[in-house]
Amino acid sequence: MFCFPGLDLDTPLPSGALVRKLTPFVTSVESPGPLTRARALGRTLAGPAIFAGGREGLWHVLAERARELGADVLAGDEAVERLVLEGADTTGVRLTKTDTIYRAGMVVAATDLDVLTRLVPEKQRKAATKVLPTVSAQKALLTLNLVLPERALPRGLGTLALVDAPSLDGGALLLQVGPAAQADQRVLTVCVPAAVGLRAGGEPAIRALIAQVHTALARVMPFTRQHVTLESTPWIDAAHVVAGRAEVAPLFQLPPGAWLGAVGLTTSSPWKRVLLAGRQVLPGLGFEGEVLAAQRAVKVVETTLKKNDPLKTRKPA
């Protein structure tokens, strides 16, 4: 293995600095390595930003570009029901609302491997069990969405804030302020690390943690809760999460041999012609890791199918 000088250097921020507690929110790992802290925090502090509308806004941009290149973009309510396998090869996907099979030479899965495994016929699931322990998760991010009048927010809060919370797991709260359905209201999203096992205790256990979050939030925003008109969290209110068909945002535990705390799974999956391009491939690099995983998967598709880059060969209209 070749190692470039400096990759094993940690961030110069003091060990007790509040900013260090930002790491779980900008990466997908529970115990980040030196490369994770230095790179993720360095990039975030150099240019922190959030997308208007969240990932939905980014998805809209990507979907429109895909349509321009001639791809079929399915509606958001058309979920994939299962991968279609013929022998050891994957031939396509089947949707929940139709018997039509969308065939493809390769399938790029931008999702977690444990979620993808549920789309595979039961006989073919054993192949994934050997890989899943490589990137497991005992903790995840709990998000609490609070709708309240804009006037109830402290002046100068802005759109993003990190609050010290010694009483909570992780020691910090991440606050994000976004638009609401009504112009005079805002959505305050509070995010905090929590144990995945908390979900086994059902709604009462989750409500107990939410109460702790409100107590920690009251230290800096003591009059906010009384103005909240609507409160929700995916851990309780998202049907797919409650039913076990989708996962909350995990904080992965990487094996001791993970290179500098950045590398997780490979792009290859346990099934032929299925490539992984989700957050488990390079979890230590956060959103940047997802982009790099997608680029790597596209390169494999181009090489395997001997296709040229459509962005370079397609003539502008």
C-alpha atoms as a PDB file:
ATOM      1  CA  MET A   1       0.000   0.000   0.000  1.00  0.00           C
ATOM      2  CA  PHE A   2       1.233   3.477  -0.886  1.00  0.00           C
ATOM      3  CA  CYS A   3       0.645   6.145   1.724  1.00  0.00           C
ATOM      4  CA  PHE A   4       1.106   9.826   0.970  1.00  0.00           C
ATOM      5  CA  PRO A   5       2.769  11.908   3.690  1.00  0.00           C
ATOM      6  CA  GLY A   6       0.270  13.820   5.792  1.00  0.00           C
ATOM      7  CA  LEU A   7      -2.711  11.498   5.381  1.00  0.00           C
ATOM      8  CA  ASP A   8      -2.254  10.202   8.907  1.00  0.00           C
ATOM      9  CA  LEU A   9      -2.146  13.686  10.450  1.00  0.00           C
ATOM     10  CA  ASP A  10      -5.098  14.659  12.615  1.00  0.00           C
ATOM     11  CA  THR A  11      -6.870  18.013  12.637  1.00  0.00           C
ATOM     12  CA  PRO A  12      -4.929  20.720  14.508  1.00  0.00           C
ATOM     13  CA  LEU A  13      -8.089  21.636  16.453  1.00  0.00           C
ATOM     14  CA  PRO A  14      -7.701  21.095  20.226  1.00  0.00           C
ATOM     15  CA  SER A  15      -9.060  17.757  21.470  1.00  0.00           C
ATOM     16  CA  GLY A  16     -11.722  19.489  23.595  1.00  0.00           C
ATOM     17  CA  ALA A  17     -12.881  21.908  20.904  1.00  0.00           C
ATOM     18  CA  LEU A  18     -16.636  22.038  20.259  1.00  0.00           C
ATOM     19  CA  VAL A  19     -16.025  21.995  16.503  1.00  0.00           C
ATOM     20  CA  ARG A  20     -14.604  18.456  16.768  1.00  0.00           C
ATOM     21  CA  LYS A  21     -18.072  17.317  17.847  1.00  0.00           C
ATOM     22  CA  LEU A  22     -19.332  18.272  14.396  1.00  0.00           C
ATOM     23  CA  THR A  23     -17.663  15.164  12.901  1.00  0.00           C
ATOM     24  CA  PRO A  24     -20.577  12.669  13.269  1.00  0.00           C
ATOM     25  CA  PHE A  25     -22.915  15.093  11.502  1.00  0.00           C
ATOM     26  CA  VAL A  26     -20.731  15.532   8.402  1.00  0.00           C
ATOM     27  CA  THR A  27     -19.519  11.920   8.104  1.00  0.00           C
ATOM     28  CA  SER A  28     -21.179   8.516   8.588  1.00  0.00           C
ATOM     29  CA  VAL A  29     -18.817   6.942  11.121  1.00  0.00           C
ATOM     30  CA  GLU A  30     -18.978   6.587  14.900  1.00  0.00           C
ATOM     31  CA  SER A  31     -15.242   6.600  15.650  1.00  0.00           C
ATOM     32  CA  PRO A  32     -13.580   8.721  12.960  1.00  0.00           C
ATOM     33  CA  GLY A  33      -9.927   8.290  12.086  1.00  0.00           C
ATOM     34  CA  PRO A  34      -7.426  11.124  11.595  1.00  0.00           C
ATOM     35  CA  LEU A  35      -8.112  11.444   7.855  1.00  0.00           C
ATOM     36  CA  THR A  36     -11.849  11.688   8.484  1.00  0.00           C
ATOM     37  CA  ARG A  37     -11.538  14.456  11.038  1.00  0.00           C
ATOM     38  CA  ALA A  38      -8.952  16.470   9.141  1.00  0.00           C
ATOM     39  CA  ARG A  39     -10.589  16.254   5.712  1.00  0.00           C
ATOM     40  CA  ALA A  40     -14.268  16.421   6.657  1.00  0.00           C
ATOM     41  CA  LEU A  41     -13.871  19.217   9.197  1.00  0.00           C
ATOM     42  CA  GLY A  42     -11.428  21.108   6.975  1.00  0.00           C
ATOM     43  CA  ARG A  43     -13.796  21.132   4.016  1.00  0.00           C
ATOM     44  CA  THR A  44     -16.859  21.917   6.137  1.00  0.00           C
ATOM     45  CA  LEU A  45     -15.267  24.829   7.966  1.00  0.00           C
ATOM     46  CA  ALA A  46     -13.824  26.220   4.729  1.00  0.00           C
ATOM     47  CA  GLY A  47     -17.239  26.447   3.109  1.00  0.00           C
ATOM     48  CA  PRO A  48     -20.219  25.247   5.191  1.00  0.00           C
ATOM     49  CA  ALA A  49     -23.446  25.122   3.217  1.00  0.00           C
ATOM     50  CA  ILE A  50     -26.838  23.428   3.034  1.00  0.00           C
ATOM     51  CA  PHE A  51     -29.000  22.761  -0.008  1.00  0.00           C
ATOM     52  CA  ALA A  52     -32.300  24.622  -0.194  1.00  0.00           C
ATOM     53  CA  GLY A  53     -34.928  21.900   0.111  1.00  0.00           C
ATOM     54  CA  GLY A  54     -32.350  19.403   1.346  1.00  0.00           C
ATOM     55  CA  ARG A  55     -31.481  16.350  -0.701  1.00  0.00           C
ATOM     56  CA  GLU A  56     -34.801  16.651  -2.516  1.00  0.00           C
ATOM     57  CA  GLY A  57     -33.519  19.777  -4.246  1.00  0.00           C
ATOM     58  CA  LEU A  58     -30.292  18.043  -5.231  1.00  0.00           C
ATOM     59  CA  TRP A  59     -32.275  15.009  -6.445  1.00  0.00           C
ATOM     60  CA  HIS A  60     -34.413  17.277  -8.666  1.00  0.00           C
ATOM     61  CA  VAL A  61     -31.306  18.718 -10.333  1.00  0.00           C
ATOM     62  CA  LEU A  62     -29.837  15.267 -10.964  1.00  0.00           C
ATOM     63  CA  ALA A  63     -33.181  13.904 -12.231  1.00  0.00           C
ATOM     64  CA  GLU A  64     -33.562  16.719 -14.751  1.00  0.00           C
ATOM     65  CA  ARG A  65     -30.037  16.151 -16.020  1.00  0.00           C
ATOM     66  CA  ALA A  66     -30.733  12.413 -16.356  1.00  0.00           C
ATOM     67  CA  ARG A  67     -33.839  13.135 -18.446  1.00  0.00           C
ATOM     68  CA  GLU A  68     -31.799  15.404 -20.703  1.00  0.00           C
ATOM     69  CA  LEU A  69     -29.457  12.473 -21.351  1.00  0.00           C
ATOM     70  CA  GLY A  70     -32.364  10.215 -22.320  1.00  0.00           C
ATOM     71  CA  ALA A  71     -32.841   8.285 -19.059  1.00  0.00           C
ATOM     72  CA  ASP A  72     -36.200   7.230 -17.593  1.00  0.00           C
ATOM     73  CA  VAL A  73     -36.713   8.871 -14.197  1.00  0.00           C
ATOM     74  CA  LEU A  74     -39.423   7.196 -12.144  1.00  0.00           C
ATOM     75  CA  ALA A  75     -41.878   8.995  -9.891  1.00  0.00           C
ATOM     76  CA  GLY A  76     -40.988   9.209  -6.214  1.00  0.00           C
ATOM     77  CA  ASP A  77     -43.834   6.898  -5.151  1.00  0.00           C
ATOM     78  CA  GLU A  78     -42.652   4.091  -7.452  1.00  0.00           C
ATOM     79  CA  ALA A  79     -40.373   2.137  -5.146  1.00  0.00           C
ATOM     80  CA  VAL A  80     -38.237  -0.816  -6.204  1.00  0.00           C
ATOM     81  CA  GLU A  81     -39.804  -4.037  -4.924  1.00  0.00           C
ATOM     82  CA  ARG A  82     -36.964  -6.436  -5.723  1.00  0.00           C
ATOM     83  CA  LEU A  83     -33.927  -7.165  -7.829  1.00  0.00           C
ATOM     84  CA  VAL A  84     -34.596  -9.640 -10.638  1.00  0.00           C
ATOM     85  CA  LEU A  85     -31.989 -12.402 -10.708  1.00  0.00           C
ATOM     86  CA  GLU A  86     -31.508 -15.105 -13.314  1.00  0.00           C
ATOM     87  CA  GLY A  87     -29.044 -17.569 -11.896  1.00  0.00           C
ATOM     88  CA  ALA A  88     -26.092 -15.571 -10.601  1.00  0.00           C
ATOM     89  CA  ASP A  89     -26.742 -12.565 -12.864  1.00  0.00           C
ATOM     90  CA  THR A  90     -28.879  -9.534 -12.082  1.00  0.00           C
ATOM     91  CA  THR A  91     -31.062  -8.634 -15.047  1.00  0.00           C
ATOM     92  CA  GLY A  92     -33.033  -5.671 -13.716  1.00  0.00           C
ATOM     93  CA  VAL A  93     -35.481  -4.399 -11.124  1.00  0.00           C
ATOM     94  CA  ARG A  94     -39.215  -4.733 -10.530  1.00  0.00           C
ATOM     95  CA  LEU A  95     -41.332  -1.911  -9.079  1.00  0.00           C
ATOM     96  CA  THR A  96     -44.073  -2.149  -6.477  1.00  0.00           C
ATOM     97  CA  LYS A  97     -46.913  -0.817  -8.665  1.00  0.00           C
ATOM     98  CA  THR A  98     -46.298  -2.832 -11.823  1.00  0.00           C
ATOM     99  CA  ASP A  99     -45.170  -6.242 -13.032  1.00  0.00           C
ATOM    100  CA  THR A 100     -42.903  -4.609 -15.608  1.00  0.00           C
ATOM    101  CA  ILE A 101     -39.235  -5.511 -15.271  1.00  0.00           C
ATOM    102  CA  TYR A 102     -36.757  -2.752 -16.061  1.00  0.00           C
ATOM    103  CA  ARG A 103     -33.813  -4.610 -17.562  1.00  0.00           C
ATOM    104  CA  ALA A 104     -30.260  -3.325 -17.404  1.00  0.00           C
ATOM    105  CA  GLY A 105     -26.772  -4.553 -18.151  1.00  0.00           C
ATOM    106  CA  MET A 106     -25.599  -3.184 -14.778  1.00  0.00           C
ATOM    107  CA  VAL A 107     -27.388  -1.960 -11.663  1.00  0.00           C
ATOM    108  CA  VAL A 108     -25.853   0.833  -9.565  1.00  0.00           C
ATOM    109  CA  ALA A 109     -27.303   0.850  -6.047  1.00  0.00           C
ATOM    110  CA  ALA A 110     -26.956   4.176  -4.221  1.00  0.00           C
ATOM    111  CA  THR A 111     -28.305   2.706  -0.984  1.00  0.00           C
ATOM    112  CA  ASP A 112     -27.063   0.809   2.051  1.00  0.00           C
ATOM    113  CA  LEU A 113     -26.225  -2.859   1.552  1.00  0.00           C
ATOM    114  CA  ASP A 114     -28.576  -4.023   4.321  1.00  0.00           C
ATOM    115  CA  VAL A 115     -31.472  -2.190   2.640  1.00  0.00           C
ATOM    116  CA  LEU A 116     -30.496  -3.580  -0.769  1.00  0.00           C
ATOM    117  CA  THR A 117     -30.385  -7.109   0.667  1.00  0.00           C
ATOM    118  CA  ARG A 118     -34.123  -6.955   1.390  1.00  0.00           C
ATOM    119  CA  LEU A 119     -34.773  -6.560  -2.354  1.00  0.00           C
ATOM    120  CA  VAL A 120     -32.990  -9.811  -3.146  1.00  0.00           C
ATOM    121  CA  PRO A 121     -34.810 -13.193  -3.192  1.00  0.00           C
ATOM    122  CA  GLU A 122     -34.251 -15.007   0.102  1.00  0.00           C
ATOM    123  CA  LYS A 123     -32.051 -17.713  -1.424  1.00  0.00           C
ATOM    124  CA  GLN A 124     -29.528 -15.112  -2.612  1.00  0.00           C
ATOM    125  CA  ARG A 125     -29.368 -13.143   0.659  1.00  0.00           C
ATOM    126  CA  LYS A 126     -26.766 -15.327   2.318  1.00  0.00           C
ATOM    127  CA  ALA A 127     -24.051 -13.840   0.115  1.00  0.00           C
ATOM    128  CA  ALA A 128     -24.527 -10.470   1.825  1.00  0.00           C
ATOM    129  CA  THR A 129     -24.277 -11.735   5.404  1.00  0.00           C
ATOM    130  CA  LYS A 130     -20.500 -12.197   5.052  1.00  0.00           C
ATOM    131  CA  VAL A 131     -20.041  -8.553   4.022  1.00  0.00           C
ATOM    132  CA  LEU A 132     -22.497  -6.715   6.283  1.00  0.00           C
ATOM    133  CA  PRO A 133     -20.420  -7.029   9.504  1.00  0.00           C
ATOM    134  CA  THR A 134     -17.649  -5.078   7.742  1.00  0.00           C
ATOM    135  CA  VAL A 135     -19.674  -1.873   8.061  1.00  0.00           C
ATOM    136  CA  SER A 136     -22.099  -2.275  10.957  1.00  0.00           C
ATOM    137  CA  ALA A 137     -23.793   0.424  13.029  1.00  0.00           C
ATOM    138  CA  GLN A 138     -24.644   0.595  16.732  1.00  0.00           C
ATOM    139  CA  LYS A 139     -25.501   4.299  16.622  1.00  0.00           C
ATOM    140  CA  ALA A 140     -27.455   6.557  14.277  1.00  0.00           C
ATOM    141  CA  LEU A 141     -28.510  10.185  13.991  1.00  0.00           C
ATOM    142  CA  LEU A 142     -31.889  11.041  15.465  1.00  0.00           C
ATOM    143  CA  THR A 143     -33.507  14.035  13.779  1.00  0.00           C
ATOM    144  CA  LEU A 144     -36.301  16.001  15.439  1.00  0.00           C
ATOM    145  CA  ASN A 145     -38.265  18.381  13.196  1.00  0.00           C
ATOM    146  CA  LEU A 146     -39.993  21.296  14.931  1.00  0.00           C
ATOM    147  CA  VAL A 147     -42.351  23.677  13.089  1.00  0.00           C
ATOM    148  CA  LEU A 148     -42.674  27.054  14.783  1.00  0.00           C
ATOM    149  CA  PRO A 149     -43.172  30.739  13.964  1.00  0.00           C
ATOM    150  CA  GLU A 150     -40.095  32.544  12.693  1.00  0.00           C
ATOM    151  CA  ARG A 151     -40.454  35.121  15.469  1.00  0.00           C
ATOM    152  CA  ALA A 152     -39.891  32.343  18.049  1.00  0.00           C
ATOM    153  CA  LEU A 153     -36.325  31.737  16.846  1.00  0.00           C
ATOM    154  CA  PRO A 154     -33.459  33.648  18.492  1.00  0.00           C
ATOM    155  CA  ARG A 155     -32.134  36.561  16.511  1.00  0.00           C
ATOM    156  CA  GLY A 156     -28.844  35.832  14.803  1.00  0.00           C
ATOM    157  CA  LEU A 157     -29.375  32.051  14.768  1.00  0.00           C
ATOM    158  CA  GLY A 158     -28.925  31.829  11.000  1.00  0.00           C
ATOM    159  CA  THR A 159     -29.450  28.499   9.204  1.00  0.00           C
ATOM    160  CA  LEU A 160     -26.864  26.256  10.872  1.00  0.00           C
ATOM    161  CA  ALA A 161     -25.564  26.035  14.439  1.00  0.00           C
ATOM    162  CA  LEU A 162     -23.646  23.604  16.638  1.00  0.00           C
ATOM    163  CA  VAL A 163     -24.635  23.651  20.318  1.00  0.00           C
ATOM    164  CA  ASP A 164     -22.673  22.120  23.187  1.00  0.00           C
ATOM    165  CA  ALA A 165     -24.770  19.456  24.976  1.00  0.00           C
ATOM    166  CA  PRO A 166     -22.624  17.505  27.496  1.00  0.00           C
ATOM    167  CA  SER A 167     -25.619  15.516  28.774  1.00  0.00           C
ATOM    168  CA  LEU A 168     -26.289  13.870  25.394  1.00  0.00           C
ATOM    169  CA  ASP A 169     -24.466  11.161  23.452  1.00  0.00           C
ATOM    170  CA  GLY A 170     -21.943  12.890  21.219  1.00  0.00           C
ATOM    171  CA  GLY A 171     -21.902  15.993  23.391  1.00  0.00           C
ATOM    172  CA  ALA A 172     -23.490  18.323  20.829  1.00  0.00           C
ATOM    173  CA  LEU A 173     -26.692  19.248  18.993  1.00  0.00           C
ATOM    174  CA  LEU A 174     -26.740  20.257  15.344  1.00  0.00           C
ATOM    175  CA  LEU A 175     -29.449  22.823  14.530  1.00  0.00           C
ATOM    176  CA  GLN A 176     -30.657  23.555  11.005  1.00  0.00           C
ATOM    177  CA  VAL A 177     -33.299  26.148  10.108  1.00  0.00           C
ATOM    178  CA  GLY A 178     -35.246  25.673   6.882  1.00  0.00           C
ATOM    179  CA  PRO A 179     -38.434  26.927   5.200  1.00  0.00           C
ATOM    180  CA  ALA A 180     -41.890  25.664   6.211  1.00  0.00           C
ATOM    181  CA  ALA A 181     -45.177  25.434   4.301  1.00  0.00           C
ATOM    182  CA  GLN A 182     -46.281  28.832   5.618  1.00  0.00           C
ATOM    183  CA  ALA A 183     -44.125  31.863   4.883  1.00  0.00           C
ATOM    184  CA  ASP A 184     -44.093  33.096   8.491  1.00  0.00           C
ATOM    185  CA  GLN A 185     -42.979  29.729   9.884  1.00  0.00           C
ATOM    186  CA  ARG A 186     -39.724  27.786   9.924  1.00  0.00           C
ATOM    187  CA  VAL A 187     -38.643  24.183  10.433  1.00  0.00           C
ATOM    188  CA  LEU A 188     -36.024  23.764  13.156  1.00  0.00           C
ATOM    189  CA  THR A 189     -34.293  20.401  12.690  1.00  0.00           C
ATOM    190  CA  VAL A 190     -32.396  19.159  15.734  1.00  0.00           C
ATOM    191  CA  CYS A 191     -29.945  16.302  15.189  1.00  0.00           C
ATOM    192  CA  VAL A 192     -28.162  14.185  17.803  1.00  0.00           C
ATOM    193  CA  PRO A 193     -26.384  10.775  17.857  1.00  0.00           C
ATOM    194  CA  ALA A 194     -28.332   7.988  19.539  1.00  0.00           C
ATOM    195  CA  ALA A 195     -28.079   4.229  20.062  1.00  0.00           C
ATOM    196  CA  VAL A 196     -29.803   2.170  17.368  1.00  0.00           C
ATOM    197  CA  GLY A 197     -30.954  -0.220  20.098  1.00  0.00           C
ATOM    198  CA  LEU A 198     -33.193   2.557  21.399  1.00  0.00           C
ATOM    199  CA  ARG A 199     -35.713   1.638  18.707  1.00  0.00           C
ATOM    200  CA  ALA A 200     -36.201  -1.775  20.333  1.00  0.00           C
ATOM    201  CA  GLY A 201     -37.722   0.020  23.318  1.00  0.00           C
ATOM    202  CA  GLY A 202     -40.462   1.395  21.102  1.00  0.00           C
ATOM    203  CA  GLU A 203     -41.983   4.859  21.156  1.00  0.00           C
ATOM    204  CA  PRO A 204     -41.684   5.409  24.950  1.00  0.00           C
ATOM    205  CA  ALA A 205     -37.881   5.000  24.827  1.00  0.00           C
ATOM    206  CA  ILE A 206     -37.583   7.350  21.856  1.00  0.00           C
ATOM    207  CA  ARG A 207     -39.866   9.903  23.524  1.00  0.00           C
ATOM    208  CA  ALA A 208     -37.638   9.800  26.609  1.00  0.00           C
ATOM    209  CA  LEU A 209     -34.606  10.723  24.484  1.00  0.00           C
ATOM    210  CA  ILE A 210     -36.593  13.486  22.748  1.00  0.00           C
ATOM    211  CA  ALA A 211     -37.373  14.934  26.174  1.00  0.00           C
ATOM    212  CA  GLN A 212     -33.637  15.013  26.910  1.00  0.00           C
ATOM    213  CA  VAL A 213     -33.046  16.779  23.598  1.00  0.00           C
ATOM    214  CA  HIS A 214     -35.622  19.427  24.498  1.00  0.00           C
ATOM    215  CA  THR A 215     -33.949  19.917  27.879  1.00  0.00           C
ATOM    216  CA  ALA A 216     -30.546  20.414  26.233  1.00  0.00           C
ATOM    217  CA  LEU A 217     -32.051  22.753  23.636  1.00  0.00           C
ATOM    218  CA  ALA A 218     -33.697  24.829  26.365  1.00  0.00           C
ATOM    219  CA  ARG A 219     -30.243  25.802  27.672  1.00  0.00           C
ATOM    220  CA  VAL A 220     -29.776  28.075  24.644  1.00  0.00           C
ATOM    221  CA  MET A 221     -33.399  28.501  23.471  1.00  0.00           C
ATOM    222  CA  PRO A 222     -35.487  28.468  26.684  1.00  0.00           C
ATOM    223  CA  PHE A 223     -38.728  29.827  25.178  1.00  0.00           C
ATOM    224  CA  THR A 224     -38.836  27.894  21.929  1.00  0.00           C
ATOM    225  CA  ARG A 225     -40.752  24.716  22.808  1.00  0.00           C
ATOM    226  CA  GLN A 226     -43.943  26.526  23.829  1.00  0.00           C
ATOM    227  CA  HIS A 227     -44.206  27.931  20.295  1.00  0.00           C
ATOM    228  CA  VAL A 228     -43.843  24.579  18.478  1.00  0.00           C
ATOM    229  CA  THR A 229     -46.962  23.809  16.413  1.00  0.00           C
ATOM    230  CA  LEU A 230     -45.822  20.469  14.952  1.00  0.00           C
ATOM    231  CA  GLU A 231     -43.180  17.935  15.986  1.00  0.00           C
ATOM    232  CA  SER A 232     -42.008  14.800  14.166  1.00  0.00           C
ATOM    233  CA  THR A 233     -39.099  12.382  13.885  1.00  0.00           C
ATOM    234  CA  PRO A 234     -38.490   9.608  11.325  1.00  0.00           C
ATOM    235  CA  TRP A 235     -37.833   7.189  14.216  1.00  0.00           C
ATOM    236  CA  ILE A 236     -41.555   7.362  15.090  1.00  0.00           C
ATOM    237  CA  ASP A 237     -43.400   8.998  12.204  1.00  0.00           C
ATOM    238  CA  ALA A 238     -41.778   7.560   9.042  1.00  0.00           C
ATOM    239  CA  ALA A 239     -43.795   4.447   8.121  1.00  0.00           C
ATOM    240  CA  HIS A 240     -40.938   2.777   6.192  1.00  0.00           C
ATOM    241  CA  VAL A 241     -38.548   3.231   9.127  1.00  0.00           C
ATOM    242  CA  VAL A 242     -41.037   1.953  11.711  1.00  0.00           C
ATOM    243  CA  ALA A 243     -41.829  -1.076   9.527  1.00  0.00           C
ATOM    244  CA  GLY A 244     -38.126  -1.857   9.117  1.00  0.00           C
ATOM    245  CA  ARG A 245     -38.102  -1.293   5.343  1.00  0.00           C
ATOM    246  CA  ALA A 246     -35.750   1.702   5.592  1.00  0.00           C
ATOM    247  CA  GLU A 247     -32.978   2.782   7.913  1.00  0.00           C
ATOM    248  CA  VAL A 248     -32.272   6.001   9.761  1.00  0.00           C
ATOM    249  CA  ALA A 249     -28.935   7.764   9.222  1.00  0.00           C
ATOM    250  CA  PRO A 250     -26.392   5.285  10.685  1.00  0.00           C
ATOM    251  CA  LEU A 251     -22.991   5.977  12.197  1.00  0.00           C
ATOM    252  CA  PHE A 252     -20.912   3.055  10.955  1.00  0.00           C
ATOM    253  CA  GLN A 253     -18.353   1.170  13.000  1.00  0.00           C
ATOM    254  CA  LEU A 254     -15.381   0.421  10.790  1.00  0.00           C
ATOM    255  CA  PRO A 255     -13.084  -2.573  11.354  1.00  0.00           C
ATOM    256  CA  PRO A 256      -9.647  -1.911  12.900  1.00  0.00           C
ATOM    257  CA  GLY A 257      -7.951  -2.434   9.529  1.00  0.00           C
ATOM    258  CA  ALA A 258     -10.009   0.238   7.746  1.00  0.00           C
ATOM    259  CA  TRP A 259      -7.487   2.470   5.996  1.00  0.00           C
ATOM    260  CA  LEU A 260      -7.157   5.642   8.082  1.00  0.00           C
ATOM    261  CA  GLY A 261     -10.801   5.311   9.119  1.00  0.00           C
ATOM    262  CA  ALA A 262     -12.127   6.148   5.655  1.00  0.00           C
ATOM    263  CA  VAL A 263     -12.609   2.927   3.674  1.00  0.00           C
ATOM    264  CA  GLY A 264     -15.622   0.641   4.139  1.00  0.00           C
ATOM    265  CA  LEU A 265     -17.034  -1.611   1.406  1.00  0.00           C
ATOM    266  CA  THR A 266     -15.847  -2.060  -2.157  1.00  0.00           C
ATOM    267  CA  THR A 267     -17.907  -0.995  -5.164  1.00  0.00           C
ATOM    268  CA  SER A 268     -18.483  -4.667  -6.000  1.00  0.00           C
ATOM    269  CA  SER A 269     -21.498  -6.309  -4.353  1.00  0.00           C
ATOM    270  CA  PRO A 270     -22.246  -9.958  -3.489  1.00  0.00           C
ATOM    271  CA  TRP A 271     -24.324 -10.183  -6.692  1.00  0.00           C
ATOM    272  CA  LYS A 272     -23.031 -10.009 -10.249  1.00  0.00           C
ATOM    273  CA  ARG A 273     -23.757  -6.822 -12.201  1.00  0.00           C
ATOM    274  CA  VAL A 274     -24.801  -4.940  -9.051  1.00  0.00           C
ATOM    275  CA  LEU A 275     -22.478  -2.127  -7.961  1.00  0.00           C
ATOM    276  CA  LEU A 276     -22.525  -0.279  -4.641  1.00  0.00           C
ATOM    277  CA  ALA A 277     -22.413   3.517  -4.680  1.00  0.00           C
ATOM    278  CA  GLY A 278     -23.813   4.346  -1.255  1.00  0.00           C
ATOM    279  CA  ARG A 279     -22.440   5.832   1.949  1.00  0.00           C
ATOM    280  CA  GLN A 280     -20.991   2.469   3.099  1.00  0.00           C
ATOM    281  CA  VAL A 281     -18.269   2.509   0.417  1.00  0.00           C
ATOM    282  CA  LEU A 282     -16.305   5.490   1.775  1.00  0.00           C
ATOM    283  CA  PRO A 283     -18.184   6.383   4.974  1.00  0.00           C
ATOM    284  CA  GLY A 284     -15.280   8.240   6.519  1.00  0.00           C
ATOM    285  CA  LEU A 285     -15.491  10.940   3.838  1.00  0.00           C
ATOM    286  CA  GLY A 286     -19.181  11.711   4.297  1.00  0.00           C
ATOM    287  CA  PHE A 287     -21.017  13.216   1.320  1.00  0.00           C
ATOM    288  CA  GLU A 288     -17.728  13.492  -0.561  1.00  0.00           C
ATOM    289  CA  GLY A 289     -17.344   9.726  -0.162  1.00  0.00           C
ATOM    290  CA  GLU A 290     -20.774   9.156  -1.736  1.00  0.00           C
ATOM    291  CA  VAL A 291     -19.790  11.245  -4.754  1.00  0.00           C
ATOM    292  CA  LEU A 292     -16.482   9.383  -5.141  1.00  0.00           C
ATOM    293  CA  ALA A 293     -18.266   6.020  -4.817  1.00  0.00           C
ATOM    294  CA  ALA A 294     -20.709   7.031  -7.560  1.00  0.00           C
ATOM    295  CA  GLN A 295     -17.860   8.103  -9.845  1.00  0.00           C
ATOM    296  CA  ARG A 296     -16.095   4.799  -9.234  1.00  0.00           C
ATOM    297  CA  ALA A 297     -19.259   2.816 -10.031  1.00  0.00           C
ATOM    298  CA  VAL A 298     -19.809   4.744 -13.264  1.00  0.00           C
ATOM    299  CA  LYS A 299     -16.230   4.031 -14.305  1.00  0.00           C
ATOM    300  CA  VAL A 300     -16.788   0.304 -13.726  1.00  0.00           C
ATOM    301  CA  VAL A 301     -19.965   0.405 -15.825  1.00  0.00           C
ATOM    302  CA  GLU A 302     -18.201   2.178 -18.667  1.00  0.00           C
ATOM    303  CA  THR A 303     -15.339  -0.325 -18.618  1.00  0.00           C
ATOM    304  CA  THR A 304     -17.589  -3.379 -18.334  1.00  0.00           C
ATOM    305  CA  LEU A 305     -20.090  -2.355 -20.989  1.00  0.00           C
ATOM    306  CA  LYS A 306     -17.455  -0.613 -23.098  1.00  0.00           C
ATOM    307  CA  LYS A 307     -19.511   2.556 -23.214  1.00  0.00           C
ATOM    308  CA  ASN A 308     -18.133   6.045 -23.598  1.00  0.00           C
ATOM    309  CA  ASP A 309     -18.995   8.892 -21.274  1.00  0.00           C
ATOM    310  CA  PRO A 310     -22.363  10.235 -22.570  1.00  0.00           C
ATOM    311  CA  LEU A 311     -21.521  13.695 -21.216  1.00  0.00           C
ATOM    312  CA  LYS A 312     -18.562  13.860 -23.626  1.00  0.00           C
ATOM    313  CA  THR A 313     -20.132  12.248 -26.684  1.00  0.00           C
ATOM    314  CA  ARG A 314     -23.613  13.771 -26.660  1.00  0.00           C
ATOM    315  CA  LYS A 315     -23.832  16.920 -28.771  1.00  0.00           C
ATOM    316  CA  PRO A 316     -25.521  19.913 -27.148  1.00  0.00           C
ATOM    317  CA  ALA A 317     -29.009  20.702 -28.410  1.00  0.00           C
END
